[in-house]
Each structure stands twice: as structure tokens, then as C-alpha cells.
C-alpha atoms as a PDB file:
ATOM      1  CA  UNK A   1     -59.731  89.640 -73.473  1.00  0.00           C
ATOM      2  CA  UNK A   2     -61.629  92.785 -74.604  1.00  0.00           C
ATOM      3  CA  UNK A   3     -60.021  93.207 -77.650  1.00  0.00           C
ATOM      4  CA  UNK A   4     -59.942  89.319 -78.191  1.00  0.00           C
ATOM      5  CA  UNK A   5     -63.578  89.410 -77.944  1.00  0.00           C
ATOM      6  CA  UNK A   6     -63.548  92.250 -80.738  1.00  0.00           C
ATOM      7  CA  UNK A   7     -65.426  94.486 -77.980  1.00  0.00           C
ATOM      8  CA  UNK A   8     -62.898  97.356 -77.839  1.00  0.00           C
ATOM      9  CA  UNK A   9     -65.174  99.585 -79.469  1.00  0.00           C
ATOM     10  CA  UNK A  10     -67.841  99.093 -76.909  1.00  0.00           C
ATOM     11  CA  UNK A  11     -65.627  98.771 -73.383  1.00  0.00           C
ATOM     12  CA  UNK A  12     -63.296 100.791 -72.231  1.00  0.00           C
ATOM     13  CA  UNK A  13     -60.800 100.048 -69.204  1.00  0.00           C
ATOM     14  CA  UNK A  14     -59.223 102.433 -67.647  1.00  0.00           C
ATOM     15  CA  UNK A  15     -57.166 102.113 -63.821  1.00  0.00           C
ATOM     16  CA  UNK A  16     -56.979 104.715 -61.295  1.00  0.00           C
ATOM     17  CA  UNK A  17     -55.708 104.840 -57.592  1.00  0.00           C
ATOM     18  CA  UNK A  18     -57.272 105.874 -54.341  1.00  0.00           C
ATOM     19  CA  UNK A  19     -54.066 108.219 -53.714  1.00  0.00           C
ATOM     20  CA  UNK A  20     -52.083 110.380 -56.379  1.00  0.00           C
ATOM     21  CA  UNK A  21     -48.794 108.756 -54.760  1.00  0.00           C
ATOM     22  CA  UNK A  22     -47.202 107.762 -58.276  1.00  0.00           C
ATOM     23  CA  UNK A  23     -49.257 109.954 -60.667  1.00  0.00           C
ATOM     24  CA  UNK A  24     -47.439 109.798 -64.033  1.00  0.00           C
ATOM     25  CA  UNK A  25     -45.945 106.712 -63.290  1.00  0.00           C
ATOM     26  CA  UNK A  26     -45.444 104.156 -64.968  1.00  0.00           C
ATOM     27  CA  UNK A  27     -46.451 100.576 -63.119  1.00  0.00           C
ATOM     28  CA  UNK A  28     -43.221  98.890 -61.428  1.00  0.00           C
ATOM     29  CA  UNK A  29     -40.782  97.280 -63.395  1.00  0.00           C
ATOM     30  CA  UNK A  30     -41.596  93.895 -61.891  1.00  0.00           C
ATOM     31  CA  UNK A  31     -45.218  94.251 -62.260  1.00  0.00           C
ATOM     32  CA  UNK A  32     -44.451  95.096 -66.116  1.00  0.00           C
ATOM     33  CA  UNK A  33     -42.102  91.855 -66.718  1.00  0.00           C
ATOM     34  CA  UNK A  34     -44.922  89.664 -65.060  1.00  0.00           C
ATOM     35  CA  UNK A  35     -47.751  90.921 -67.175  1.00  0.00           C
ATOM     36  CA  UNK A  36     -45.619  91.053 -70.182  1.00  0.00           C
ATOM     37  CA  UNK A  37     -44.473  87.329 -69.894  1.00  0.00           C
ATOM     38  CA  UNK A  38     -48.159  86.773 -70.196  1.00  0.00           C
ATOM     39  CA  UNK A  39     -48.538  89.193 -73.697  1.00  0.00           C
ATOM     40  CA  UNK A  40     -49.906  91.537 -71.517  1.00  0.00           C
ATOM     41  CA  UNK A  41     -47.963  95.105 -72.450  1.00  0.00           C
ATOM     42  CA  UNK A  42     -48.163  97.817 -69.283  1.00  0.00           C
ATOM     43  CA  UNK A  43     -45.340  99.882 -70.635  1.00  0.00           C
ATOM     44  CA  UNK A  44     -47.915 102.514 -71.849  1.00  0.00           C
ATOM     45  CA  UNK A  45     -49.717 103.032 -69.062  1.00  0.00           C
ATOM     46  CA  UNK A  46     -49.372 105.801 -66.504  1.00  0.00           C
ATOM     47  CA  UNK A  47     -50.862 106.316 -62.962  1.00  0.00           C
ATOM     48  CA  UNK A  48     -53.991 108.675 -62.345  1.00  0.00           C
ATOM     49  CA  UNK A  49     -55.861 109.423 -59.461  1.00  0.00           C
ATOM     50  CA  UNK A  50     -59.121 108.541 -59.103  1.00  0.00           C
ATOM     51  CA  UNK A  51     -61.494 111.676 -59.792  1.00  0.00           C
ATOM     52  CA  UNK A  52     -65.209 112.514 -58.925  1.00  0.00           C
ATOM     53  CA  UNK A  53     -66.342 112.282 -63.137  1.00  0.00           C
ATOM     54  CA  UNK A  54     -64.844 108.475 -63.066  1.00  0.00           C
ATOM     55  CA  UNK A  55     -67.834 107.563 -60.997  1.00  0.00           C
ATOM     56  CA  UNK A  56     -70.339 108.973 -63.566  1.00  0.00           C
ATOM     57  CA  UNK A  57     -68.478 108.222 -66.731  1.00  0.00           C
ATOM     58  CA  UNK A  58     -68.140 104.232 -65.874  1.00  0.00           C
ATOM     59  CA  UNK A  59     -70.740 101.830 -64.960  1.00  0.00           C
ATOM     60  CA  UNK A  60     -68.356 100.017 -62.783  1.00  0.00           C
ATOM     61  CA  UNK A  61     -65.893 101.053 -60.535  1.00  0.00           C
ATOM     62  CA  UNK A  62     -63.870  98.366 -59.599  1.00  0.00           C
ATOM     63  CA  UNK A  63     -61.379  98.137 -56.074  1.00  0.00           C
ATOM     64  CA  UNK A  64     -58.729  95.981 -55.660  1.00  0.00           C
ATOM     65  CA  UNK A  65     -59.503  95.288 -51.316  1.00  0.00           C
ATOM     66  CA  UNK A  66     -61.699  96.800 -48.973  1.00  0.00           C
ATOM     67  CA  UNK A  67     -58.852  99.271 -47.639  1.00  0.00           C
ATOM     68  CA  UNK A  68     -59.670 101.158 -51.382  1.00  0.00           C
ATOM     69  CA  UNK A  69     -63.151 100.227 -51.454  1.00  0.00           C
ATOM     70  CA  UNK A  70     -63.831 101.947 -48.330  1.00  0.00           C
ATOM     71  CA  UNK A  71     -61.411 105.300 -49.643  1.00  0.00           C
ATOM     72  CA  UNK A  72     -63.770 105.094 -52.598  1.00  0.00           C
ATOM     73  CA  UNK A  73     -67.042 104.917 -50.933  1.00  0.00           C
ATOM     74  CA  UNK A  74     -66.276 107.891 -49.672  1.00  0.00           C
ATOM     75  CA  UNK A  75     -65.582 110.066 -52.285  1.00  0.00           C
ATOM     76  CA  UNK A  76     -68.197 108.869 -54.612  1.00  0.00           C
ATOM     77  CA  UNK A  77     -71.506 110.217 -55.152  1.00  0.00           C
ATOM     78  CA  UNK A  78     -74.561 108.615 -53.530  1.00  0.00           C
ATOM     79  CA  UNK A  79     -76.270 108.510 -57.413  1.00  0.00           C
ATOM     80  CA  UNK A  80     -73.113 106.158 -58.192  1.00  0.00           C
ATOM     81  CA  UNK A  81     -72.762 104.044 -55.170  1.00  0.00           C
ATOM     82  CA  UNK A  82     -74.214 101.486 -56.791  1.00  0.00           C
ATOM     83  CA  UNK A  83     -71.295 101.101 -59.007  1.00  0.00           C
ATOM     84  CA  UNK A  84     -68.782 100.641 -57.039  1.00  0.00           C
ATOM     85  CA  UNK A  85     -67.604  96.791 -56.358  1.00  0.00           C
ATOM     86  CA  UNK A  86     -64.658  94.585 -55.284  1.00  0.00           C
ATOM     87  CA  UNK A  87     -62.679  93.263 -58.634  1.00  0.00           C
ATOM     88  CA  UNK A  88     -62.893  89.848 -56.706  1.00  0.00           C
ATOM     89  CA  UNK A  89     -66.631  89.947 -56.645  1.00  0.00           C
ATOM     90  CA  UNK A  90     -66.071  88.762 -60.656  1.00  0.00           C
ATOM     91  CA  UNK A  91     -63.828  85.446 -59.665  1.00  0.00           C
ATOM     92  CA  UNK A  92     -66.716  83.852 -57.153  1.00  0.00           C
ATOM     93  CA  UNK A  93     -64.926  80.379 -57.606  1.00  0.00           C
ATOM     94  CA  UNK A  94     -61.654  81.634 -56.182  1.00  0.00           C
ATOM     95  CA  UNK A  95     -60.870  82.038 -52.138  1.00  0.00           C
ATOM     96  CA  UNK A  96     -59.516  85.598 -52.307  1.00  0.00           C
ATOM     97  CA  UNK A  97     -61.958  88.431 -51.562  1.00  0.00           C
ATOM     98  CA  UNK A  98     -59.002  90.915 -52.461  1.00  0.00           C
ATOM     99  CA  UNK A  99     -56.203  91.507 -54.583  1.00  0.00           C
ATOM    100  CA  UNK A 100     -53.424  91.893 -52.426  1.00  0.00           C
ATOM    101  CA  UNK A 101     -50.343  94.529 -52.540  1.00  0.00           C
ATOM    102  CA  UNK A 102     -47.609  92.360 -54.729  1.00  0.00           C
ATOM    103  CA  UNK A 103     -45.200  95.009 -53.455  1.00  0.00           C
ATOM    104  CA  UNK A 104     -43.210  93.240 -50.882  1.00  0.00           C
ATOM    105  CA  UNK A 105     -43.809  89.744 -52.246  1.00  0.00           C
ATOM    106  CA  UNK A 106     -41.215  89.089 -54.990  1.00  0.00           C
ATOM    107  CA  UNK A 107     -41.642  88.434 -58.102  1.00  0.00           C
ATOM    108  CA  UNK A 108     -44.236  85.269 -56.900  1.00  0.00           C
ATOM    109  CA  UNK A 109     -46.212  88.067 -55.687  1.00  0.00           C
ATOM    110  CA  UNK A 110     -46.697  89.701 -59.154  1.00  0.00           C
ATOM    111  CA  UNK A 111     -47.473  86.356 -60.381  1.00  0.00           C
ATOM    112  CA  UNK A 112     -50.140  85.348 -57.593  1.00  0.00           C
ATOM    113  CA  UNK A 113     -51.917  89.176 -58.806  1.00  0.00           C
ATOM    114  CA  UNK A 114     -51.754  88.346 -62.251  1.00  0.00           C
ATOM    115  CA  UNK A 115     -53.475  84.816 -61.914  1.00  0.00           C
ATOM    116  CA  UNK A 116     -56.379  86.802 -59.589  1.00  0.00           C
ATOM    117  CA  UNK A 117     -56.573  90.060 -62.132  1.00  0.00           C
ATOM    118  CA  UNK A 118     -57.015  87.495 -64.934  1.00  0.00           C
ATOM    119  CA  UNK A 119     -59.999  85.744 -63.086  1.00  0.00           C
ATOM    120  CA  UNK A 120     -61.899  88.170 -62.169  1.00  0.00           C
ATOM    121  CA  UNK A 121     -61.150  89.869 -65.576  1.00  0.00           C
ATOM    122  CA  UNK A 122     -62.356  87.098 -67.308  1.00  0.00           C
ATOM    123  CA  UNK A 123     -65.907  87.024 -64.668  1.00  0.00           C
ATOM    124  CA  UNK A 124     -66.252  90.549 -65.463  1.00  0.00           C
ATOM    125  CA  UNK A 125     -65.757  90.293 -69.294  1.00  0.00           C
ATOM    126  CA  UNK A 126     -69.129  87.612 -69.446  1.00  0.00           C
ATOM    127  CA  UNK A 127     -70.795  90.327 -66.893  1.00  0.00           C
ATOM    128  CA  UNK A 128     -70.245  92.764 -69.537  1.00  0.00           C
ATOM    129  CA  UNK A 129     -71.086  90.725 -72.714  1.00  0.00           C
ATOM    130  CA  UNK A 130     -74.403  89.745 -70.597  1.00  0.00           C
ATOM    131  CA  UNK A 131     -74.766  93.699 -70.342  1.00  0.00           C
ATOM    132  CA  UNK A 132     -74.298  94.484 -73.763  1.00  0.00           C
ATOM    133  CA  UNK A 133     -76.400  91.390 -75.128  1.00  0.00           C
ATOM    134  CA  UNK A 134     -73.178  89.969 -76.980  1.00  0.00           C
ATOM    135  CA  UNK A 135     -71.819  86.491 -76.298  1.00  0.00           C
END
């Protein structure tokens, strides 16, 4: 979405986990298949853990659920707590406030998560465009 809006030079996106269980690994093959069916290639992504510098480096630090939000809040330096939000805050028209873990939900679980992520990403991009003063 950022590339489609020609904002890749102004918006940097990264992903990290609150635990280092899968550091260096690629996304679950089911997630990769579901994303690829929507034209998104996740093949080059590798897992990493959140580091303290992330809170200073990024304007938004987004948690997928309340458990991750709590974990992030515990390691976030006080000066940057205002940067921490739930990702689904950017999809207020949906009833879901959290992105569920699709691991045990089969193929439909991954599709549902992608639906949520796409909705929140659209809302986030709208906010970023406002932040940047672009439309």
C-alpha cells in the first residue's frame, strides 16, 4: 500500500516480536501462501525481536493484541509510551480490537488475520499521510 502511494522513500515499516522464539526464521508457510494469494510476498521477511531502539526509531510501535501491548509497555522507555498503540485502533469500523494468532485456525485463520491486517493498514496509511501532509 505504501509503495502504491509512492511513499516508500518516506515511510519505513518493520516487524518484530515480543519474544525471540523464531528469530531468523521466515513466516509460517500458511501465512506466506495466504499473503501471496493477495499479491504480497513475505518470502524475504525474517523474524526478529523488539529492541529498545525500536521505540526511538519508529513513530508508531503497534501491538497485535493486548498481551503484546503489555509486553511492549514493560520494555518501552517512558518518553516513548505515546508511540505504542494497538494495530486495530486503525480499523475502528471493525468489531475486533485485537489481531488473533492464526496458528491454530487453519487456512481460514490466516485469511481472517490478513483481512484484519489489510483493514488496519489502510487506516494506518491514512493516518501516516496526514502525519506527512500528503494525500
